[in-house]
Amino acid sequence: MNDINFDNKRIKKEIDKFQKTGNIQKAIEACKGALSKDENNAELHVKLGDLYMEWHLDIHQIKQYADEAITEYQRALESCVNSAEIYYKIAMAFYYKRELDKSVNYFKLALEHNPKMSNAHYMIAEIFMRKGDFIEAVEAAERAILIAPFSSSRANFLIYCIQSLSNKTKWYKKFSKLILSILTLPFDKYAIKEVIKRLSYFQFLPVLIKTSILIFMHGFNQQLLDLYRETIEKAPGFAELYINLGRIYYELKRYEDAICEYKMAIWLDSLNIRAYYYLCCLYEEIRDFENAIDICRKMIELQPHSAEIHCRLAQYLYLCGDIDEAIEHYQTAVTLNPNPKWTSIVAQTLGFIFQENTKDLDAAISSYQNAYNLNSTDIDIYLNLGNVFFEKGSYDNALIVYQKALETSPHNARLHCNLGYLYWGKGNTDEAIKEYEKAIKYDNTYDIAYNNLGVIYLDDLGKVQKAIELFEEARKYNPNYALAYYNLARSIAITGDKVEAAKLYQIALDINKYTMELDPNDIEEKIQDLFT
């Protein structure tokens, strides 16, 4: 700092010596000793804050010191209220604490006292990018470049990364930002520090290579655990090591240990989206959806524009019975639309929820139509849309949808089966039979087609023996098909074999406990009627 000077050069020299030799603890003790004699020395407070931050960022220690750094900076600020640099340092400490909103506020205070502080503009851009506000991020980065065009490597690279996420930006604009980030790198000391920091991670490359070999040769085992534990003892502040250790525990099905390691990684680096993601997947694996929801919410704070995270959160909310909020997040995922085919599947899921859970058939139709617009080649969309039209009673629309689908997939057994059900519902028995027979032709194991065709022969045509043959086929291809046993029992009862019919009804009743296809009271009444 230019406006504050050490009164004692000897103390400064001693502190700098400890710092340069890597003995941060001794440097801190020396700084504290000096402050005990001169507690209002702002520069000493700033120096102590810097030492705490250096210790905080050292991956070879685990304790965190951002709070101590903030306290020292704030003490310095008491006598230097107009120091943009101190505001900047406090903002950086909050940034490393992952308290991003507070960090932005302090960066803005720094800019109030020095509007040309390009690093503050860049850091605001960095935070906006992490929060998914790409427009604000680019604007802040451009301001940083305008103030310091020759030392703007980080700002140019940030804009390049954001532009790479969009297909709308011309390739040459993206390329120019990448080139500028490379050309300005030698003049951007902060970018150089970041590169050096990343290069330092190569010290763990031998461990990663050895890990891959061990997994290939022996799978996940105790030797692998020991290797990572030894490495973590040397670098307890490196979050990525805990993530990898968590993965090893996960593969060994030691889920509680894996959870601890992922949480440790998040504690060290609360912006590490990989740690959140793996922890979320683990909670899903053990069906702890409440905790999975909490982790998803934290991920959305970091990446609010991630359609995948919104979709994942919606899935967990749905499984927990929170249908309304699940719908909100599915709709957000569809709006973000990272990929038409992927989004089409999400839109279908949304349609299913509207159809089955909220009974809002118009909303279901709208969602399925949206899915169709995104991917018109997916036969499931036609089936779902046709089904909801049928459920609504719009038989003509359902027929149009199914016939349109047949143009794309004329040999699709499910389509012919659905058409059979539609014609049957409209009272056109002849056409229904033709469609069910086509369904069986294209899939001779299609249990539903056999069963439905059997019901037509039994109830509409009175051909009991033919119906029995079809129900036998249905239960052959699906031994857990309660409805097929129920209908077969009805047919056998007509032939007069009450004992066999009762056995079949009982099988249907037993299976139905798990499949819930029928009202069990109906089956029990049928059994009673046989002998009354």
Protein backbone atom coordinates (compact mmCIF):
# COMPACT_ATOMS: atom_id res chain seq x y z
CA MET A 1 0.00 0.00 0.00
CA ASN A 2 1.36 3.40 -1.01
CA ASP A 3 -0.36 5.45 1.72
CA ILE A 4 0.96 3.42 4.67
CA ASN A 5 4.56 2.56 5.59
CA PHE A 6 6.21 0.33 8.14
CA ASP A 7 7.85 2.37 10.87
CA ASN A 8 10.18 -0.45 11.67
CA LYS A 9 12.09 -1.74 8.64
CA ARG A 10 13.65 -4.49 10.70
CA ILE A 11 10.21 -5.99 11.47
CA LYS A 12 9.23 -5.81 7.81
CA LYS A 13 12.46 -7.51 6.79
CA GLU A 14 11.98 -10.27 9.37
CA ILE A 15 8.38 -10.94 8.28
CA ASP A 16 9.35 -10.96 4.60
CA LYS A 17 12.18 -13.41 5.32
CA PHE A 18 9.85 -15.89 7.01
CA GLN A 19 7.32 -15.49 4.20
CA LYS A 20 9.83 -16.04 1.40
CA THR A 21 11.15 -19.21 3.04
CA GLY A 22 7.63 -20.57 3.30
CA ASN A 23 7.38 -20.32 7.07
CA ILE A 24 4.02 -18.56 7.12
CA GLN A 25 3.33 -19.46 10.74
CA LYS A 26 6.53 -17.73 11.90
CA ALA A 27 5.71 -14.71 9.72
CA ILE A 28 2.27 -14.48 11.31
CA GLU A 29 3.76 -14.72 14.81
CA ALA A 30 6.25 -11.96 13.99
CA CYS A 31 3.49 -9.78 12.60
CA LYS A 32 1.32 -10.34 15.68
CA GLY A 33 4.28 -9.49 17.90
CA ALA A 34 4.75 -6.20 16.07
CA LEU A 35 1.04 -5.41 16.31
CA SER A 36 1.07 -5.98 20.07
CA LYS A 37 3.40 -2.97 20.28
CA ASP A 38 1.62 -0.94 17.59
CA GLU A 39 -1.96 -2.16 17.41
CA ASN A 40 -3.15 0.71 15.19
CA ASN A 41 -0.57 0.11 12.45
CA ALA A 42 -2.82 -0.34 9.37
CA GLU A 43 -0.04 -1.72 7.18
CA LEU A 44 0.78 -4.40 9.72
CA HIS A 45 -2.89 -5.39 9.84
CA VAL A 46 -2.96 -5.61 6.05
CA LYS A 47 0.25 -7.63 6.05
CA LEU A 48 -1.16 -10.01 8.65
CA GLY A 49 -4.35 -10.33 6.58
CA ASP A 50 -2.25 -11.16 3.51
CA LEU A 51 -0.35 -13.82 5.46
CA TYR A 52 -3.59 -15.40 6.65
CA MET A 53 -4.89 -15.49 3.08
CA GLU A 54 -1.66 -17.06 1.84
CA TRP A 55 -1.99 -19.72 4.52
CA HIS A 56 -5.67 -20.17 3.70
CA LEU A 57 -4.84 -20.90 0.04
CA ASP A 58 -1.97 -23.30 0.80
CA ILE A 59 -3.11 -26.77 -0.26
CA HIS A 60 -0.53 -28.32 2.07
CA GLN A 61 -2.54 -27.32 5.15
CA ILE A 62 -6.18 -27.92 5.95
CA LYS A 63 -7.27 -25.18 8.36
CA GLN A 64 -8.96 -22.15 6.82
CA TYR A 65 -8.02 -18.58 7.71
CA ALA A 66 -10.21 -16.36 5.55
CA ASP A 67 -12.14 -15.07 8.59
CA GLU A 68 -8.90 -14.04 10.33
CA ALA A 69 -7.77 -12.27 7.16
CA ILE A 70 -11.06 -10.35 6.90
CA THR A 71 -10.76 -9.25 10.54
CA GLU A 72 -7.26 -7.86 9.94
CA TYR A 73 -8.29 -6.04 6.75
CA GLN A 74 -11.27 -4.50 8.51
CA ARG A 75 -9.03 -3.26 11.32
CA ALA A 76 -6.78 -1.65 8.73
CA LEU A 77 -9.84 -0.10 7.09
CA GLU A 78 -10.67 1.77 10.32
CA SER A 79 -7.77 4.13 9.70
CA CYS A 80 -7.78 3.93 5.88
CA VAL A 81 -11.44 4.23 4.98
CA ASN A 82 -10.68 5.39 1.43
CA SER A 83 -8.32 2.58 0.53
CA ALA A 84 -9.63 0.81 -2.56
CA GLU A 85 -6.94 -1.84 -2.14
CA ILE A 86 -8.19 -2.88 1.31
CA TYR A 87 -11.76 -3.13 0.05
CA TYR A 88 -10.41 -5.27 -2.78
CA LYS A 89 -8.56 -7.55 -0.36
CA ILE A 90 -11.68 -8.00 1.80
CA ALA A 91 -13.65 -8.82 -1.35
CA MET A 92 -11.09 -11.46 -2.32
CA ALA A 93 -11.25 -13.01 1.16
CA PHE A 94 -15.03 -13.29 0.91
CA TYR A 95 -14.61 -14.73 -2.58
CA TYR A 96 -12.37 -17.50 -1.24
CA LYS A 97 -14.89 -18.04 1.57
CA ARG A 98 -17.45 -18.56 -1.26
CA GLU A 99 -19.65 -15.74 0.09
CA LEU A 100 -20.11 -14.31 -3.39
CA ASP A 101 -22.73 -11.65 -2.70
CA LYS A 102 -20.61 -10.07 0.04
CA SER A 103 -17.61 -10.33 -2.25
CA VAL A 104 -19.37 -8.39 -5.03
CA ASN A 105 -20.41 -5.68 -2.57
CA TYR A 106 -16.82 -5.12 -1.46
CA PHE A 107 -15.52 -5.13 -5.04
CA LYS A 108 -18.06 -2.40 -5.81
CA LEU A 109 -16.85 -0.42 -2.76
CA ALA A 110 -13.30 -0.75 -4.09
CA LEU A 111 -14.46 0.61 -7.45
CA GLU A 112 -16.18 3.54 -5.77
CA HIS A 113 -12.79 4.61 -4.46
CA ASN A 114 -10.90 3.62 -7.60
CA PRO A 115 -13.12 3.16 -10.69
CA LYS A 116 -10.10 2.12 -12.76
CA MET A 117 -9.24 -0.94 -10.69
CA SER A 118 -9.40 -3.46 -13.53
CA ASN A 119 -8.92 -6.48 -11.24
CA ALA A 120 -12.08 -5.59 -9.32
CA HIS A 121 -14.02 -5.44 -12.60
CA TYR A 122 -12.56 -8.81 -13.59
CA MET A 123 -13.43 -10.47 -10.27
CA ILE A 124 -17.01 -9.22 -10.55
CA ALA A 125 -17.08 -10.80 -14.00
CA GLU A 126 -15.73 -14.05 -12.54
CA ILE A 127 -18.47 -14.13 -9.89
CA PHE A 128 -21.22 -13.36 -12.38
CA MET A 129 -19.97 -16.18 -14.60
CA ARG A 130 -19.97 -18.63 -11.68
CA LYS A 131 -23.54 -17.59 -10.86
CA GLY A 132 -24.59 -18.09 -14.47
CA ASP A 133 -25.26 -14.41 -15.26
CA PHE A 134 -23.26 -14.41 -18.50
CA ILE A 135 -24.41 -11.04 -19.83
CA GLU A 136 -23.29 -9.22 -16.66
CA ALA A 137 -20.08 -11.25 -16.65
CA VAL A 138 -19.14 -10.22 -20.20
CA GLU A 139 -19.95 -6.55 -19.49
CA ALA A 140 -17.73 -6.54 -16.37
CA ALA A 141 -14.92 -8.32 -18.25
CA GLU A 142 -15.13 -5.79 -21.08
CA ARG A 143 -14.78 -2.97 -18.54
CA ALA A 144 -11.65 -4.66 -17.18
CA ILE A 145 -10.21 -4.91 -20.70
CA LEU A 146 -11.01 -1.27 -21.45
CA ILE A 147 -9.12 -0.10 -18.34
CA ALA A 148 -6.09 -2.39 -18.74
CA PRO A 149 -6.01 -3.72 -22.32
CA PHE A 150 -2.44 -5.02 -22.16
CA SER A 151 -2.87 -7.03 -18.93
CA SER A 152 -6.29 -8.52 -19.61
CA SER A 153 -5.47 -12.18 -20.23
CA ARG A 154 -7.97 -13.46 -17.67
CA ALA A 155 -10.76 -11.17 -18.85
CA ASN A 156 -10.31 -12.16 -22.51
CA PHE A 157 -10.21 -15.84 -21.61
CA LEU A 158 -13.36 -15.50 -19.49
CA ILE A 159 -15.22 -13.96 -22.43
CA TYR A 160 -13.89 -16.72 -24.70
CA CYS A 161 -15.22 -19.38 -22.29
CA ILE A 162 -18.66 -17.76 -22.17
CA GLN A 163 -18.80 -17.34 -25.94
CA SER A 164 -17.84 -21.00 -26.35
CA LEU A 165 -21.07 -21.95 -24.59
CA SER A 166 -23.13 -20.28 -27.32
CA ASN A 167 -23.62 -21.33 -30.92
CA LYS A 168 -24.68 -17.80 -31.83
CA THR A 169 -21.24 -16.22 -31.48
CA LYS A 170 -19.17 -16.26 -34.66
CA TRP A 171 -16.15 -18.53 -34.52
CA TYR A 172 -13.71 -15.76 -35.38
CA LYS A 173 -14.91 -13.65 -32.42
CA LYS A 174 -14.30 -16.57 -30.06
CA PHE A 175 -10.91 -17.20 -31.65
CA SER A 176 -9.88 -13.54 -31.34
CA LYS A 177 -10.60 -13.57 -27.60
CA LEU A 178 -8.54 -16.74 -27.16
CA ILE A 179 -5.61 -15.20 -29.06
CA LEU A 180 -5.83 -11.99 -27.02
CA SER A 181 -5.79 -13.99 -23.80
CA ILE A 182 -2.56 -15.68 -24.94
CA LEU A 183 -0.90 -12.48 -26.19
CA THR A 184 -1.63 -10.55 -22.98
CA LEU A 185 -0.65 -13.40 -20.64
CA PRO A 186 2.97 -12.19 -20.12
CA PHE A 187 1.69 -8.81 -18.91
CA ASP A 188 -1.04 -10.13 -16.58
CA LYS A 189 0.67 -11.10 -13.33
CA TYR A 190 -2.55 -12.50 -11.85
CA ALA A 191 -3.06 -14.74 -14.88
CA ILE A 192 0.56 -15.92 -14.60
CA LYS A 193 -0.02 -16.80 -10.93
CA GLU A 194 -3.11 -18.77 -11.89
CA VAL A 195 -1.16 -20.68 -14.56
CA ILE A 196 1.63 -21.45 -12.09
CA LYS A 197 -0.93 -22.63 -9.55
CA ARG A 198 -2.52 -24.97 -12.08
CA LEU A 199 0.87 -26.26 -13.18
CA SER A 200 1.67 -27.06 -9.55
CA TYR A 201 -1.12 -29.64 -9.61
CA PHE A 202 1.04 -31.71 -11.96
CA GLN A 203 2.90 -32.88 -8.84
CA PHE A 204 -0.08 -35.18 -8.29
CA LEU A 205 0.09 -36.62 -11.81
CA PRO A 206 2.15 -39.68 -10.71
CA VAL A 207 -0.53 -40.46 -8.10
CA LEU A 208 -3.29 -40.21 -10.71
CA ILE A 209 -1.37 -42.44 -13.12
CA LYS A 210 -0.66 -44.99 -10.40
CA THR A 211 -4.33 -44.88 -9.41
CA SER A 212 -5.41 -45.68 -12.97
CA ILE A 213 -3.00 -48.62 -13.13
CA LEU A 214 -4.15 -50.00 -9.79
CA ILE A 215 -7.82 -49.73 -10.77
CA PHE A 216 -7.12 -51.45 -14.10
CA MET A 217 -5.14 -54.28 -12.51
CA HIS A 218 -6.88 -54.81 -9.17
CA GLY A 219 -10.03 -52.68 -9.13
CA PHE A 220 -10.92 -50.56 -6.12
CA ASN A 221 -9.18 -51.90 -3.02
CA GLN A 222 -7.42 -51.05 0.25
CA GLN A 223 -4.13 -50.33 -1.50
CA LEU A 224 -5.82 -47.54 -3.44
CA LEU A 225 -7.24 -46.10 -0.23
CA ASP A 226 -3.82 -46.11 1.43
CA LEU A 227 -2.27 -44.35 -1.56
CA TYR A 228 -4.77 -41.49 -1.41
CA ARG A 229 -4.58 -41.17 2.35
CA GLU A 230 -0.80 -40.79 2.15
CA THR A 231 -1.16 -38.16 -0.58
CA ILE A 232 -3.76 -36.21 1.40
CA GLU A 233 -1.42 -36.12 4.41
CA LYS A 234 1.04 -34.22 2.19
CA ALA A 235 -1.58 -31.88 0.68
CA PRO A 236 -4.60 -31.77 3.01
CA GLY A 237 -5.93 -28.60 1.39
CA PHE A 238 -6.31 -29.97 -2.16
CA ALA A 239 -10.03 -30.57 -2.70
CA GLU A 240 -9.61 -32.80 -5.78
CA LEU A 241 -7.85 -35.47 -3.71
CA TYR A 242 -10.88 -35.76 -1.44
CA ILE A 243 -13.18 -36.10 -4.45
CA ASN A 244 -11.11 -38.98 -5.80
CA LEU A 245 -10.96 -40.60 -2.36
CA GLY A 246 -14.75 -40.24 -2.13
CA ARG A 247 -15.08 -42.04 -5.47
CA ILE A 248 -12.97 -44.92 -4.19
CA TYR A 249 -15.15 -45.25 -1.08
CA TYR A 250 -18.23 -45.05 -3.31
CA GLU A 251 -17.03 -47.92 -5.51
CA LEU A 252 -16.29 -49.95 -2.37
CA LYS A 253 -19.87 -49.18 -1.23
CA ARG A 254 -18.57 -47.44 1.88
CA TYR A 255 -21.12 -44.70 1.39
CA GLU A 256 -20.79 -42.91 4.73
CA ASP A 257 -17.03 -42.56 4.21
CA ALA A 258 -17.62 -41.32 0.67
CA ILE A 259 -20.07 -38.69 1.94
CA CYS A 260 -17.48 -37.44 4.43
CA GLU A 261 -14.83 -37.07 1.72
CA TYR A 262 -17.14 -35.21 -0.68
CA LYS A 263 -18.21 -32.89 2.14
CA MET A 264 -14.56 -32.28 2.96
CA ALA A 265 -13.90 -31.31 -0.66
CA ILE A 266 -16.83 -28.88 -0.54
CA TRP A 267 -15.60 -27.43 2.75
CA LEU A 268 -12.23 -26.75 1.13
CA ASP A 269 -13.70 -25.48 -2.14
CA SER A 270 -17.40 -24.66 -1.94
CA LEU A 271 -17.45 -23.72 -5.63
CA ASN A 272 -16.32 -27.19 -6.71
CA ILE A 273 -19.31 -28.35 -8.73
CA ARG A 274 -17.84 -31.85 -9.20
CA ALA A 275 -17.89 -32.47 -5.45
CA TYR A 276 -21.53 -31.40 -5.24
CA TYR A 277 -22.43 -33.54 -8.26
CA TYR A 278 -20.83 -36.72 -6.92
CA LEU A 279 -22.36 -36.17 -3.49
CA CYS A 280 -25.75 -35.69 -5.10
CA CYS A 281 -25.38 -38.93 -7.10
CA LEU A 282 -24.37 -40.77 -3.94
CA TYR A 283 -27.47 -39.55 -2.08
CA GLU A 284 -29.53 -40.71 -5.04
CA GLU A 285 -27.87 -44.12 -4.89
CA ILE A 286 -28.85 -44.58 -1.25
CA ARG A 287 -32.28 -43.00 -1.95
CA ASP A 288 -31.72 -40.14 0.46
CA PHE A 289 -33.68 -37.72 -1.69
CA GLU A 290 -34.04 -35.03 0.99
CA ASN A 291 -30.28 -34.52 1.14
CA ALA A 292 -30.05 -34.85 -2.64
CA ILE A 293 -32.53 -31.98 -2.93
CA ASP A 294 -30.44 -29.80 -0.59
CA ILE A 295 -27.30 -30.44 -2.65
CA CYS A 296 -29.14 -29.68 -5.90
CA ARG A 297 -30.31 -26.37 -4.51
CA LYS A 298 -26.71 -25.44 -3.68
CA MET A 299 -25.61 -26.44 -7.18
CA ILE A 300 -28.32 -24.22 -8.68
CA GLU A 301 -26.94 -21.30 -6.64
CA LEU A 302 -23.62 -21.89 -8.40
CA GLN A 303 -25.02 -22.72 -11.84
CA PRO A 304 -28.57 -21.36 -12.11
CA HIS A 305 -28.59 -21.86 -15.88
CA SER A 306 -27.77 -25.57 -15.78
CA ALA A 307 -30.76 -27.41 -17.25
CA GLU A 308 -29.39 -30.76 -16.06
CA ILE A 309 -29.31 -29.64 -12.41
CA HIS A 310 -32.85 -28.24 -12.60
CA CYS A 311 -33.98 -31.52 -14.13
CA ARG A 312 -32.23 -33.56 -11.45
CA LEU A 313 -33.79 -31.43 -8.69
CA ALA A 314 -37.21 -31.82 -10.32
CA GLN A 315 -36.79 -35.61 -10.33
CA TYR A 316 -35.98 -35.70 -6.60
CA LEU A 317 -38.84 -33.34 -5.75
CA TYR A 318 -41.23 -35.54 -7.73
CA LEU A 319 -40.07 -38.64 -5.86
CA CYS A 320 -40.64 -36.80 -2.58
CA GLY A 321 -44.17 -35.86 -3.64
CA ASP A 322 -43.59 -32.13 -4.22
CA ILE A 323 -45.27 -32.13 -7.63
CA ASP A 324 -45.75 -28.36 -8.01
CA GLU A 325 -42.10 -27.45 -7.45
CA ALA A 326 -40.98 -30.40 -9.56
CA ILE A 327 -43.05 -28.99 -12.43
CA GLU A 328 -41.42 -25.57 -11.96
CA HIS A 329 -37.91 -26.97 -12.29
CA TYR A 330 -38.81 -29.22 -15.23
CA GLN A 331 -40.24 -26.13 -16.96
CA THR A 332 -37.02 -24.22 -16.21
CA ALA A 333 -34.98 -27.07 -17.71
CA VAL A 334 -37.14 -27.01 -20.86
CA THR A 335 -36.77 -23.22 -21.13
CA LEU A 336 -32.98 -23.43 -20.86
CA ASN A 337 -32.97 -26.09 -23.62
CA PRO A 338 -29.30 -27.11 -23.86
CA ASN A 339 -30.02 -29.77 -26.46
CA PRO A 340 -33.24 -30.39 -28.46
CA LYS A 341 -33.29 -34.18 -28.04
CA TRP A 342 -32.50 -34.01 -24.33
CA THR A 343 -35.04 -31.23 -23.79
CA SER A 344 -37.63 -33.24 -25.72
CA ILE A 345 -37.32 -36.06 -23.17
CA VAL A 346 -37.73 -33.57 -20.31
CA ALA A 347 -40.82 -32.11 -22.01
CA GLN A 348 -42.27 -35.63 -22.27
CA THR A 349 -41.63 -36.17 -18.56
CA LEU A 350 -43.42 -32.91 -17.85
CA GLY A 351 -46.32 -34.04 -20.02
CA PHE A 352 -46.54 -37.31 -18.12
CA ILE A 353 -46.71 -35.45 -14.78
CA PHE A 354 -49.47 -33.19 -16.06
CA GLN A 355 -51.34 -36.23 -17.37
CA GLU A 356 -50.92 -38.61 -14.44
CA ASN A 357 -50.50 -36.37 -11.39
CA THR A 358 -52.27 -33.06 -11.92
CA LYS A 359 -54.79 -34.39 -14.49
CA ASP A 360 -54.24 -31.21 -16.50
CA LEU A 361 -54.67 -32.81 -19.93
CA ASP A 362 -54.37 -29.54 -21.85
CA ALA A 363 -51.01 -28.83 -20.20
CA ALA A 364 -49.96 -32.42 -20.96
CA ILE A 365 -50.89 -31.98 -24.63
CA SER A 366 -48.93 -28.71 -24.76
CA SER A 367 -45.84 -30.39 -23.26
CA TYR A 368 -46.00 -33.35 -25.65
CA GLN A 369 -46.43 -31.00 -28.61
CA ASN A 370 -43.39 -29.06 -27.42
CA ALA A 371 -41.48 -32.34 -27.24
CA TYR A 372 -42.58 -33.11 -30.81
CA ASN A 373 -41.35 -29.71 -32.04
CA LEU A 374 -37.96 -30.43 -30.47
CA ASN A 375 -37.64 -33.97 -31.83
CA SER A 376 -40.23 -35.11 -34.35
CA THR A 377 -38.60 -38.53 -34.87
CA ASP A 378 -39.28 -39.87 -31.36
CA ILE A 379 -42.13 -42.40 -31.59
CA ASP A 380 -42.74 -42.21 -27.83
CA ILE A 381 -43.95 -38.63 -28.28
CA TYR A 382 -46.63 -39.77 -30.74
CA LEU A 383 -47.69 -42.54 -28.38
CA ASN A 384 -47.91 -40.21 -25.39
CA LEU A 385 -49.69 -37.46 -27.30
CA GLY A 386 -52.15 -39.94 -28.79
CA ASN A 387 -52.81 -41.43 -25.35
CA VAL A 388 -53.61 -38.08 -23.76
CA PHE A 389 -55.92 -37.15 -26.67
CA PHE A 390 -57.65 -40.50 -26.14
CA GLU A 391 -57.94 -39.89 -22.40
CA LYS A 392 -59.44 -36.47 -23.10
CA GLY A 393 -61.97 -38.03 -25.46
CA SER A 394 -60.47 -36.39 -28.57
CA TYR A 395 -60.50 -39.67 -30.52
CA ASP A 396 -60.12 -38.06 -33.94
CA ASN A 397 -57.00 -36.17 -32.82
CA ALA A 398 -55.61 -39.36 -31.28
CA LEU A 399 -56.24 -41.20 -34.54
CA ILE A 400 -54.44 -38.49 -36.54
CA VAL A 401 -51.42 -38.67 -34.22
CA TYR A 402 -51.17 -42.48 -34.39
CA GLN A 403 -51.55 -42.54 -38.17
CA LYS A 404 -48.90 -39.83 -38.49
CA ALA A 405 -46.59 -41.95 -36.37
CA LEU A 406 -47.16 -44.99 -38.57
CA GLU A 407 -45.75 -43.02 -41.50
CA THR A 408 -42.46 -42.93 -39.60
CA SER A 409 -42.64 -46.38 -38.01
CA PRO A 410 -45.16 -48.63 -39.82
CA HIS A 411 -44.02 -51.80 -38.03
CA ASN A 412 -44.18 -50.41 -34.49
CA ALA A 413 -46.17 -52.88 -32.40
CA ARG A 414 -47.05 -50.37 -29.69
CA LEU A 415 -48.56 -47.99 -32.25
CA HIS A 416 -50.76 -50.73 -33.70
CA CYS A 417 -51.77 -51.81 -30.20
CA ASN A 418 -52.75 -48.24 -29.30
CA LEU A 419 -54.69 -47.93 -32.54
CA GLY A 420 -56.45 -51.17 -31.70
CA TYR A 421 -57.48 -49.76 -28.33
CA LEU A 422 -58.66 -46.54 -30.01
CA TYR A 423 -60.82 -48.35 -32.58
CA TRP A 424 -62.15 -50.60 -29.85
CA GLY A 425 -63.11 -47.55 -27.78
CA LYS A 426 -64.91 -46.08 -30.80
CA GLY A 427 -66.85 -49.34 -31.24
CA ASN A 428 -65.08 -50.36 -34.44
CA THR A 429 -64.36 -53.97 -33.47
CA ASP A 430 -63.21 -55.13 -36.90
CA GLU A 431 -60.51 -52.45 -37.19
CA ALA A 432 -59.50 -53.04 -33.58
CA ILE A 433 -58.91 -56.75 -34.27
CA LYS A 434 -56.83 -55.92 -37.37
CA GLU A 435 -54.59 -53.53 -35.40
CA TYR A 436 -54.09 -55.96 -32.50
CA GLU A 437 -53.21 -58.72 -34.97
CA LYS A 438 -50.66 -56.39 -36.60
CA ALA A 439 -49.21 -55.61 -33.16
CA ILE A 440 -48.78 -59.35 -32.52
CA LYS A 441 -47.34 -59.85 -36.01
CA TYR A 442 -44.62 -57.26 -35.39
CA ASP A 443 -44.02 -58.42 -31.80
CA ASN A 444 -45.17 -61.96 -31.10
CA THR A 445 -44.38 -61.54 -27.38
CA TYR A 446 -46.65 -58.53 -26.90
CA ASP A 447 -48.67 -59.56 -23.83
CA ILE A 448 -50.99 -56.53 -23.79
CA ALA A 449 -52.01 -57.07 -27.42
CA TYR A 450 -52.83 -60.72 -26.71
CA ASN A 451 -54.87 -59.81 -23.64
CA ASN A 452 -56.84 -56.98 -25.26
CA LEU A 453 -57.58 -59.05 -28.35
CA GLY A 454 -58.72 -61.87 -26.07
CA VAL A 455 -61.16 -59.53 -24.31
CA ILE A 456 -62.70 -58.58 -27.68
CA TYR A 457 -63.16 -62.25 -28.60
CA LEU A 458 -64.58 -63.02 -25.14
CA ASP A 459 -66.86 -60.04 -24.47
CA ASP A 460 -67.70 -58.71 -27.93
CA LEU A 461 -67.69 -61.82 -30.11
CA GLY A 462 -68.41 -64.56 -27.57
CA LYS A 463 -65.64 -66.81 -28.93
CA VAL A 464 -64.51 -68.26 -25.62
CA GLN A 465 -61.99 -70.82 -26.89
CA LYS A 466 -60.21 -68.25 -29.05
CA ALA A 467 -60.13 -65.89 -26.08
CA ILE A 468 -58.61 -68.61 -23.87
CA GLU A 469 -55.84 -69.19 -26.42
CA LEU A 470 -55.02 -65.49 -26.46
CA PHE A 471 -55.02 -65.13 -22.65
CA GLU A 472 -52.73 -68.17 -22.43
CA GLU A 473 -50.29 -66.42 -24.76
CA ALA A 474 -50.46 -63.23 -22.70
CA ARG A 475 -49.58 -65.00 -19.43
CA LYS A 476 -46.89 -67.07 -21.18
CA TYR A 477 -45.03 -63.96 -22.24
CA ASN A 478 -45.73 -62.14 -18.97
CA PRO A 479 -46.10 -64.54 -16.00
CA ASN A 480 -46.74 -61.54 -13.71
CA TYR A 481 -49.67 -60.16 -15.72
CA ALA A 482 -52.55 -60.20 -13.19
CA LEU A 483 -55.09 -58.96 -15.74
CA ALA A 484 -54.33 -61.85 -18.11
CA TYR A 485 -54.93 -64.39 -15.31
CA TYR A 486 -58.13 -62.58 -14.35
CA ASN A 487 -59.47 -62.68 -17.92
CA LEU A 488 -58.36 -66.27 -18.39
CA ALA A 489 -60.24 -67.18 -15.20
CA ARG A 490 -63.35 -65.46 -16.57
CA SER A 491 -63.10 -67.52 -19.75
CA ILE A 492 -62.49 -70.81 -17.93
CA ALA A 493 -65.47 -70.09 -15.65
CA ILE A 494 -67.72 -69.88 -18.72
CA THR A 495 -66.61 -73.37 -19.77
CA GLY A 496 -67.84 -74.65 -16.39
CA ASP A 497 -64.46 -75.51 -14.80
CA LYS A 498 -65.02 -73.57 -11.57
CA VAL A 499 -62.07 -75.12 -9.70
CA GLU A 500 -59.56 -74.10 -12.39
CA ALA A 501 -61.17 -70.68 -12.63
CA ALA A 502 -60.84 -70.20 -8.86
CA LYS A 503 -57.14 -71.14 -9.02
CA LEU A 504 -56.56 -68.58 -11.76
CA TYR A 505 -58.46 -65.89 -9.87
CA GLN A 506 -56.31 -66.60 -6.81
CA ILE A 507 -53.12 -66.28 -8.87
CA ALA A 508 -54.42 -62.98 -10.21
CA LEU A 509 -55.15 -61.83 -6.65
CA ASP A 510 -51.66 -62.79 -5.45
CA ILE A 511 -49.89 -61.05 -8.34
CA ASN A 512 -52.11 -58.01 -8.02
CA LYS A 513 -50.73 -57.32 -4.54
CA TYR A 514 -47.55 -56.20 -6.28
CA THR A 515 -48.76 -54.92 -9.67
CA MET A 516 -51.96 -53.19 -8.47
CA GLU A 517 -53.62 -53.63 -11.87
CA LEU A 518 -57.08 -54.44 -10.54
CA ASP A 519 -59.39 -53.75 -7.64
CA PRO A 520 -58.79 -56.78 -5.36
CA ASN A 521 -62.44 -56.65 -4.26
CA ASP A 522 -63.51 -57.41 -7.83
CA ILE A 523 -61.35 -60.53 -7.92
CA GLU A 524 -62.61 -61.74 -4.54
CA GLU A 525 -66.23 -61.22 -5.64
CA LYS A 526 -65.55 -63.29 -8.75
CA ILE A 527 -64.22 -66.14 -6.61
CA GLN A 528 -67.27 -66.00 -4.32
CA ASP A 529 -69.66 -65.94 -7.30
CA LEU A 530 -68.19 -69.20 -8.59
CA PHE A 531 -69.59 -71.16 -5.64
CA THR A 532 -72.83 -69.32 -4.87
